[in-house]
Amino acid sequence: MVANDEVVTLGDVEDATDAYEAKLDESFFRVRLNRATQLQIAT
């Protein structure tokens, strides 16, 4: 959880977006990249 108050600020959303994208990079996309062939990675 990023927001510290009842009001969610633009900064909270930006911080949450960065954290969410980092999580995707290290799990969701990493699994798919690990399964890809060298040819698929190069394109």
N, C-alpha and C. Protein backbone atom coordinates (compact mmCIF):
# COMPACT_ATOMS: atom_id res chain seq x y z
N MET A 1 0.86 -1.17 0.00
CA MET A 1 0.00 0.00 0.00
C MET A 1 0.90 1.24 0.00
N VAL A 2 0.55 2.17 -0.86
CA VAL A 2 1.39 3.34 -1.02
C VAL A 2 0.80 4.56 -0.32
N ALA A 3 -0.50 4.74 -0.43
CA ALA A 3 -1.14 5.92 0.16
C ALA A 3 -1.13 5.83 1.67
N ASN A 4 -0.84 6.95 2.32
CA ASN A 4 -0.80 6.99 3.77
C ASN A 4 -2.00 7.70 4.37
N ASP A 5 -2.94 8.09 3.55
CA ASP A 5 -4.08 8.87 4.00
C ASP A 5 -5.32 8.40 3.24
N GLU A 6 -6.46 8.95 3.58
CA GLU A 6 -7.70 8.60 2.87
C GLU A 6 -7.70 9.17 1.46
N VAL A 7 -6.97 10.23 1.26
CA VAL A 7 -6.89 10.87 -0.05
C VAL A 7 -5.68 10.31 -0.79
N VAL A 8 -5.92 9.81 -2.01
CA VAL A 8 -4.85 9.29 -2.83
C VAL A 8 -4.37 10.41 -3.74
N THR A 9 -3.09 10.71 -3.65
CA THR A 9 -2.52 11.79 -4.45
C THR A 9 -1.92 11.26 -5.75
N LEU A 10 -1.61 12.18 -6.64
CA LEU A 10 -0.95 11.80 -7.89
C LEU A 10 0.39 11.14 -7.58
N GLY A 11 1.09 11.63 -6.59
CA GLY A 11 2.37 11.03 -6.18
C GLY A 11 2.19 9.59 -5.72
N ASP A 12 1.10 9.32 -4.99
CA ASP A 12 0.81 7.95 -4.56
C ASP A 12 0.61 7.03 -5.77
N VAL A 13 -0.12 7.53 -6.75
CA VAL A 13 -0.39 6.74 -7.96
C VAL A 13 0.90 6.48 -8.73
N GLU A 14 1.73 7.50 -8.86
CA GLU A 14 3.01 7.33 -9.56
C GLU A 14 3.91 6.34 -8.84
N ASP A 15 3.97 6.42 -7.52
CA ASP A 15 4.77 5.47 -6.75
C ASP A 15 4.23 4.05 -6.89
N ALA A 16 2.93 3.91 -6.83
CA ALA A 16 2.31 2.59 -6.96
C ALA A 16 2.55 2.02 -8.35
N THR A 17 2.48 2.87 -9.36
CA THR A 17 2.72 2.42 -10.73
C THR A 17 4.14 1.89 -10.87
N ASP A 18 5.11 2.60 -10.35
CA ASP A 18 6.50 2.14 -10.41
C ASP A 18 6.67 0.80 -9.72
N ALA A 19 6.08 0.66 -8.55
CA ALA A 19 6.19 -0.59 -7.79
C ALA A 19 5.49 -1.73 -8.52
N TYR A 20 4.33 -1.46 -9.10
CA TYR A 20 3.57 -2.48 -9.82
C TYR A 20 4.34 -2.94 -11.06
N GLU A 21 4.89 -2.00 -11.81
CA GLU A 21 5.66 -2.37 -12.99
C GLU A 21 6.91 -3.17 -12.63
N ALA A 22 7.54 -2.83 -11.53
CA ALA A 22 8.72 -3.58 -11.08
C ALA A 22 8.34 -5.01 -10.72
N LYS A 23 7.18 -5.18 -10.08
CA LYS A 23 6.71 -6.53 -9.75
C LYS A 23 6.45 -7.34 -11.01
N LEU A 24 5.82 -6.71 -12.01
CA LEU A 24 5.57 -7.39 -13.28
C LEU A 24 6.88 -7.80 -13.94
N ASP A 25 7.84 -6.91 -13.94
CA ASP A 25 9.13 -7.20 -14.56
C ASP A 25 9.81 -8.39 -13.92
N GLU A 26 9.73 -8.51 -12.61
CA GLU A 26 10.46 -9.59 -11.94
C GLU A 26 9.68 -10.88 -11.85
N SER A 27 8.40 -10.89 -12.19
CA SER A 27 7.65 -12.14 -12.12
C SER A 27 6.98 -12.47 -13.45
N PHE A 28 5.96 -11.76 -13.80
CA PHE A 28 5.15 -12.05 -14.99
C PHE A 28 6.01 -12.10 -16.26
N PHE A 29 6.74 -11.03 -16.52
CA PHE A 29 7.50 -10.97 -17.76
C PHE A 29 8.76 -11.83 -17.70
N ARG A 30 9.36 -11.97 -16.53
CA ARG A 30 10.57 -12.78 -16.40
C ARG A 30 10.28 -14.24 -16.76
N VAL A 31 9.15 -14.77 -16.34
CA VAL A 31 8.79 -16.15 -16.65
C VAL A 31 8.67 -16.33 -18.16
N ARG A 32 8.03 -15.38 -18.82
CA ARG A 32 7.86 -15.49 -20.27
C ARG A 32 9.19 -15.34 -21.00
N LEU A 33 10.02 -14.44 -20.51
CA LEU A 33 11.33 -14.27 -21.13
C LEU A 33 12.18 -15.53 -20.96
N ASN A 34 12.10 -16.15 -19.82
CA ASN A 34 12.87 -17.38 -19.58
C ASN A 34 12.42 -18.51 -20.50
N ARG A 35 11.17 -18.50 -20.93
CA ARG A 35 10.64 -19.55 -21.81
C ARG A 35 10.88 -19.25 -23.29
N ALA A 36 11.25 -18.03 -23.62
CA ALA A 36 11.42 -17.63 -25.02
C ALA A 36 12.71 -18.19 -25.60
N THR A 37 12.67 -18.43 -26.90
CA THR A 37 13.88 -18.86 -27.60
C THR A 37 14.74 -17.64 -27.89
N GLN A 38 15.98 -17.87 -28.26
CA GLN A 38 16.88 -16.76 -28.61
C GLN A 38 16.33 -15.96 -29.79
N LEU A 39 15.72 -16.62 -30.75
CA LEU A 39 15.13 -15.94 -31.89
C LEU A 39 13.98 -15.03 -31.45
N GLN A 40 13.16 -15.51 -30.55
CA GLN A 40 12.05 -14.69 -30.05
C GLN A 40 12.54 -13.48 -29.27
N ILE A 41 13.62 -13.65 -28.52
CA ILE A 41 14.17 -12.56 -27.73
C ILE A 41 14.79 -11.49 -28.64
N ALA A 42 15.41 -11.91 -29.72
CA ALA A 42 16.09 -10.99 -30.62
C ALA A 42 15.13 -10.13 -31.43
N THR A 43 13.88 -10.54 -31.57
CA THR A 43 12.94 -9.75 -32.39
C THR A 43 12.09 -8.84 -31.58
